[in-house]
Amino acid sequence: MNDDIEIRRRRAAYRASHRGTKEMDIILGRFAEARLPGMSESQLSTFERFLALSDPLITAWFNGAEDAAEAGEFETWVADLRAHHGLPSPASGKQLET
């Protein structure tokens, strides 16, 4: 069982850092590298679903162009991702220029 979760973590780390766009490779890859070792199985399952989303959608949530509240179950992941990279919460009214 423990081997299974480690395989899933390695697979998620690879998927996070090999997205197709260099920006998301860096943003998600560094986040995954730091957070995957401590993820529970349920958190890992949600993160795997998050990784299945398209780069343009994740990028829009990440940079504040789209309301992260519309991310549903991924809203906390977007907030954690932004916080990991030192960005303010979109709720603070500050957005990155696109």
N, C-alpha and C. Protein backbone atom coordinates (compact mmCIF):
# COMPACT_ATOMS: atom_id res chain seq x y z
N MET A 1 0.83 -1.20 0.00
CA MET A 1 0.00 0.00 0.00
C MET A 1 0.87 1.26 0.00
N ASN A 2 1.90 1.28 0.84
CA ASN A 2 2.77 2.43 0.91
C ASN A 2 3.51 2.65 -0.41
N ASP A 3 3.88 1.54 -1.07
CA ASP A 3 4.54 1.65 -2.37
C ASP A 3 3.62 2.29 -3.39
N ASP A 4 2.32 1.96 -3.32
CA ASP A 4 1.34 2.51 -4.26
C ASP A 4 1.27 4.04 -4.16
N ILE A 5 1.23 4.56 -2.95
CA ILE A 5 1.14 6.02 -2.79
C ILE A 5 2.44 6.69 -3.23
N GLU A 6 3.57 6.03 -3.02
CA GLU A 6 4.84 6.60 -3.46
C GLU A 6 4.92 6.64 -4.99
N ILE A 7 4.41 5.62 -5.64
CA ILE A 7 4.36 5.61 -7.10
C ILE A 7 3.46 6.73 -7.60
N ARG A 8 2.31 6.91 -6.95
CA ARG A 8 1.39 7.98 -7.33
C ARG A 8 2.04 9.35 -7.12
N ARG A 9 2.79 9.51 -6.03
CA ARG A 9 3.48 10.78 -5.77
C ARG A 9 4.52 11.06 -6.85
N ARG A 10 5.29 10.06 -7.22
CA ARG A 10 6.30 10.24 -8.28
C ARG A 10 5.63 10.58 -9.61
N ARG A 11 4.53 9.90 -9.90
CA ARG A 11 3.81 10.17 -11.14
C ARG A 11 3.26 11.59 -11.14
N ALA A 12 2.70 12.02 -10.00
CA ALA A 12 2.16 13.38 -9.89
C ALA A 12 3.28 14.42 -10.01
N ALA A 13 4.43 14.15 -9.44
CA ALA A 13 5.57 15.07 -9.54
C ALA A 13 6.00 15.22 -11.00
N TYR A 14 6.02 14.12 -11.72
CA TYR A 14 6.38 14.16 -13.13
C TYR A 14 5.34 14.96 -13.92
N ARG A 15 4.07 14.67 -13.69
CA ARG A 15 3.00 15.37 -14.40
C ARG A 15 3.00 16.86 -14.09
N ALA A 16 3.34 17.22 -12.85
CA ALA A 16 3.36 18.63 -12.46
C ALA A 16 4.49 19.39 -13.15
N SER A 17 5.60 18.72 -13.42
CA SER A 17 6.74 19.42 -13.99
C SER A 17 6.93 19.18 -15.49
N HIS A 18 6.00 18.46 -16.10
CA HIS A 18 6.03 18.22 -17.55
C HIS A 18 4.65 18.50 -18.12
N ARG A 19 4.25 19.76 -18.07
CA ARG A 19 2.90 20.17 -18.42
C ARG A 19 2.70 20.47 -19.90
N GLY A 20 3.71 20.99 -20.51
CA GLY A 20 3.55 21.44 -21.90
C GLY A 20 3.84 22.91 -22.05
N THR A 21 3.70 23.66 -20.97
CA THR A 21 4.12 25.06 -20.97
C THR A 21 5.17 25.23 -19.89
N LYS A 22 6.23 25.91 -20.22
CA LYS A 22 7.35 26.05 -19.28
C LYS A 22 6.93 26.74 -17.99
N GLU A 23 6.04 27.72 -18.10
CA GLU A 23 5.58 28.44 -16.91
C GLU A 23 4.92 27.49 -15.92
N MET A 24 4.00 26.66 -16.41
CA MET A 24 3.31 25.73 -15.53
C MET A 24 4.25 24.61 -15.05
N ASP A 25 5.22 24.24 -15.88
CA ASP A 25 6.22 23.26 -15.43
C ASP A 25 6.90 23.77 -14.17
N ILE A 26 7.28 25.04 -14.20
CA ILE A 26 7.98 25.63 -13.05
C ILE A 26 7.04 25.84 -11.87
N ILE A 27 5.89 26.46 -12.13
CA ILE A 27 4.96 26.80 -11.05
C ILE A 27 4.45 25.53 -10.34
N LEU A 28 3.92 24.60 -11.11
CA LEU A 28 3.38 23.38 -10.50
C LEU A 28 4.47 22.42 -10.05
N GLY A 29 5.57 22.37 -10.81
CA GLY A 29 6.66 21.46 -10.46
C GLY A 29 7.28 21.78 -9.12
N ARG A 30 7.55 23.04 -8.88
CA ARG A 30 8.15 23.44 -7.60
C ARG A 30 7.17 23.24 -6.45
N PHE A 31 5.92 23.54 -6.70
CA PHE A 31 4.90 23.32 -5.67
C PHE A 31 4.82 21.84 -5.33
N ALA A 32 4.76 20.99 -6.35
CA ALA A 32 4.66 19.54 -6.13
C ALA A 32 5.88 19.01 -5.39
N GLU A 33 7.05 19.47 -5.78
CA GLU A 33 8.29 19.02 -5.13
C GLU A 33 8.26 19.30 -3.62
N ALA A 34 7.73 20.45 -3.26
CA ALA A 34 7.67 20.84 -1.85
C ALA A 34 6.54 20.16 -1.09
N ARG A 35 5.40 19.95 -1.74
CA ARG A 35 4.20 19.52 -1.02
C ARG A 35 3.87 18.04 -1.12
N LEU A 36 4.25 17.37 -2.20
CA LEU A 36 3.86 15.97 -2.38
C LEU A 36 4.28 15.04 -1.24
N PRO A 37 5.48 15.17 -0.69
CA PRO A 37 5.87 14.23 0.37
C PRO A 37 4.93 14.22 1.58
N GLY A 38 4.29 15.33 1.86
CA GLY A 38 3.41 15.41 3.03
C GLY A 38 1.94 15.21 2.74
N MET A 39 1.60 14.95 1.49
CA MET A 39 0.18 14.81 1.12
C MET A 39 -0.38 13.47 1.57
N SER A 40 -1.59 13.54 2.11
CA SER A 40 -2.32 12.32 2.44
C SER A 40 -2.84 11.71 1.14
N GLU A 41 -3.37 10.53 1.23
CA GLU A 41 -3.90 9.87 0.03
C GLU A 41 -5.07 10.65 -0.57
N SER A 42 -5.94 11.20 0.28
CA SER A 42 -7.07 11.97 -0.26
C SER A 42 -6.61 13.28 -0.88
N GLN A 43 -5.63 13.93 -0.27
CA GLN A 43 -5.08 15.16 -0.86
C GLN A 43 -4.42 14.85 -2.19
N LEU A 44 -3.71 13.74 -2.25
CA LEU A 44 -3.06 13.34 -3.49
C LEU A 44 -4.09 13.08 -4.59
N SER A 45 -5.20 12.46 -4.23
CA SER A 45 -6.25 12.21 -5.22
C SER A 45 -6.79 13.52 -5.79
N THR A 46 -7.01 14.50 -4.93
CA THR A 46 -7.50 15.80 -5.39
C THR A 46 -6.44 16.50 -6.25
N PHE A 47 -5.19 16.41 -5.83
CA PHE A 47 -4.11 17.03 -6.60
C PHE A 47 -3.98 16.37 -7.98
N GLU A 48 -4.16 15.08 -8.05
CA GLU A 48 -4.13 14.39 -9.34
C GLU A 48 -5.24 14.89 -10.26
N ARG A 49 -6.42 15.12 -9.71
CA ARG A 49 -7.52 15.69 -10.51
C ARG A 49 -7.19 17.12 -10.93
N PHE A 50 -6.56 17.87 -10.04
CA PHE A 50 -6.14 19.24 -10.35
C PHE A 50 -5.15 19.23 -11.52
N LEU A 51 -4.23 18.29 -11.50
CA LEU A 51 -3.23 18.20 -12.57
C LEU A 51 -3.85 17.84 -13.92
N ALA A 52 -5.03 17.25 -13.90
CA ALA A 52 -5.70 16.87 -15.14
C ALA A 52 -6.35 18.07 -15.84
N LEU A 53 -6.43 19.20 -15.14
CA LEU A 53 -7.00 20.41 -15.74
C LEU A 53 -6.04 21.02 -16.75
N SER A 54 -6.56 21.84 -17.63
CA SER A 54 -5.74 22.45 -18.68
C SER A 54 -4.85 23.56 -18.10
N ASP A 55 -3.70 23.75 -18.74
CA ASP A 55 -2.78 24.81 -18.34
C ASP A 55 -3.42 26.20 -18.40
N PRO A 56 -4.16 26.53 -19.48
CA PRO A 56 -4.76 27.87 -19.52
C PRO A 56 -5.72 28.14 -18.34
N LEU A 57 -6.46 27.14 -17.93
CA LEU A 57 -7.39 27.32 -16.81
C LEU A 57 -6.62 27.52 -15.50
N ILE A 58 -5.64 26.67 -15.24
CA ILE A 58 -4.85 26.80 -14.01
C ILE A 58 -4.10 28.13 -14.01
N THR A 59 -3.56 28.52 -15.16
CA THR A 59 -2.85 29.80 -15.27
C THR A 59 -3.78 30.97 -14.97
N ALA A 60 -4.98 30.93 -15.49
CA ALA A 60 -5.94 32.01 -15.25
C ALA A 60 -6.29 32.12 -13.77
N TRP A 61 -6.49 31.00 -13.12
CA TRP A 61 -6.75 31.03 -11.67
C TRP A 61 -5.52 31.52 -10.92
N PHE A 62 -4.36 31.03 -11.31
CA PHE A 62 -3.12 31.37 -10.63
C PHE A 62 -2.81 32.86 -10.71
N ASN A 63 -2.97 33.44 -11.90
CA ASN A 63 -2.61 34.86 -12.04
C ASN A 63 -3.76 35.81 -11.72
N GLY A 64 -4.92 35.27 -11.37
CA GLY A 64 -6.03 36.11 -10.95
C GLY A 64 -6.91 36.60 -12.08
N ALA A 65 -6.65 36.15 -13.31
CA ALA A 65 -7.48 36.57 -14.44
C ALA A 65 -8.88 35.98 -14.36
N GLU A 66 -8.99 34.82 -13.75
CA GLU A 66 -10.28 34.17 -13.51
C GLU A 66 -10.49 34.05 -12.01
N ASP A 67 -11.72 34.15 -11.58
CA ASP A 67 -12.04 34.07 -10.16
C ASP A 67 -11.78 32.65 -9.66
N ALA A 68 -10.87 32.51 -8.72
CA ALA A 68 -10.52 31.20 -8.17
C ALA A 68 -11.68 30.58 -7.39
N ALA A 69 -12.65 31.41 -6.99
CA ALA A 69 -13.82 30.86 -6.29
C ALA A 69 -14.61 29.94 -7.20
N GLU A 70 -14.46 30.12 -8.51
CA GLU A 70 -15.14 29.26 -9.47
C GLU A 70 -14.41 27.93 -9.65
N ALA A 71 -13.29 27.77 -8.97
CA ALA A 71 -12.49 26.56 -9.09
C ALA A 71 -13.10 25.39 -8.32
N GLY A 72 -14.14 25.66 -7.54
CA GLY A 72 -14.81 24.59 -6.81
C GLY A 72 -13.88 23.88 -5.84
N GLU A 73 -13.76 22.56 -6.01
CA GLU A 73 -12.94 21.77 -5.09
C GLU A 73 -11.46 22.14 -5.15
N PHE A 74 -11.06 22.88 -6.18
CA PHE A 74 -9.65 23.24 -6.35
C PHE A 74 -9.32 24.63 -5.83
N GLU A 75 -10.29 25.31 -5.25
CA GLU A 75 -10.07 26.68 -4.78
C GLU A 75 -8.93 26.74 -3.75
N THR A 76 -8.88 25.80 -2.82
CA THR A 76 -7.81 25.81 -1.84
C THR A 76 -6.46 25.48 -2.48
N TRP A 77 -6.48 24.64 -3.52
CA TRP A 77 -5.22 24.33 -4.21
C TRP A 77 -4.68 25.57 -4.90
N VAL A 78 -5.56 26.34 -5.50
CA VAL A 78 -5.13 27.58 -6.16
C VAL A 78 -4.56 28.54 -5.12
N ALA A 79 -5.23 28.68 -4.00
CA ALA A 79 -4.75 29.57 -2.93
C ALA A 79 -3.40 29.08 -2.40
N ASP A 80 -3.25 27.77 -2.18
CA ASP A 80 -1.99 27.22 -1.71
C ASP A 80 -0.87 27.42 -2.73
N LEU A 81 -1.20 27.25 -3.99
CA LEU A 81 -0.23 27.42 -5.07
C LEU A 81 0.25 28.87 -5.11
N ARG A 82 -0.69 29.80 -5.01
CA ARG A 82 -0.34 31.22 -5.00
C ARG A 82 0.51 31.55 -3.77
N ALA A 83 0.12 31.05 -2.61
CA ALA A 83 0.86 31.32 -1.38
C ALA A 83 2.27 30.72 -1.45
N HIS A 84 2.38 29.54 -2.01
CA HIS A 84 3.69 28.89 -2.14
C HIS A 84 4.66 29.75 -2.95
N HIS A 85 4.15 30.46 -3.93
CA HIS A 85 4.98 31.31 -4.77
C HIS A 85 4.98 32.77 -4.32
N GLY A 86 4.46 33.03 -3.11
CA GLY A 86 4.52 34.36 -2.53
C GLY A 86 3.56 35.37 -3.10
N LEU A 87 2.48 34.89 -3.68
CA LEU A 87 1.48 35.81 -4.25
C LEU A 87 0.35 36.04 -3.26
N PRO A 88 -0.23 37.23 -3.27
CA PRO A 88 -1.35 37.50 -2.37
C PRO A 88 -2.59 36.73 -2.80
N SER A 89 -3.48 36.55 -1.87
CA SER A 89 -4.75 35.91 -2.17
C SER A 89 -5.55 36.79 -3.11
N PRO A 90 -6.21 36.19 -4.12
CA PRO A 90 -7.03 37.01 -5.03
C PRO A 90 -8.12 37.76 -4.28
N ALA A 91 -8.53 37.28 -3.13
CA ALA A 91 -9.59 37.92 -2.36
C ALA A 91 -9.13 39.29 -1.84
N SER A 92 -7.81 39.51 -1.79
CA SER A 92 -7.31 40.78 -1.29
C SER A 92 -7.48 41.91 -2.30
N GLY A 93 -7.94 41.54 -3.52
CA GLY A 93 -8.17 42.56 -4.52
C GLY A 93 -6.95 42.83 -5.38
N LYS A 94 -5.83 42.23 -5.06
CA LYS A 94 -4.63 42.43 -5.85
C LYS A 94 -4.55 41.34 -6.89
N GLN A 95 -4.33 41.74 -8.12
CA GLN A 95 -4.20 40.78 -9.21
C GLN A 95 -2.95 41.08 -10.01
N LEU A 96 -2.41 40.05 -10.60
CA LEU A 96 -1.26 40.24 -11.48
C LEU A 96 -1.75 40.80 -12.80
N GLU A 97 -0.95 41.61 -13.41
CA GLU A 97 -1.30 42.12 -14.73
C GLU A 97 -1.06 41.04 -15.75
N THR A 98 -1.97 40.93 -16.70
CA THR A 98 -1.81 39.93 -17.76
C THR A 98 -1.54 40.60 -19.07
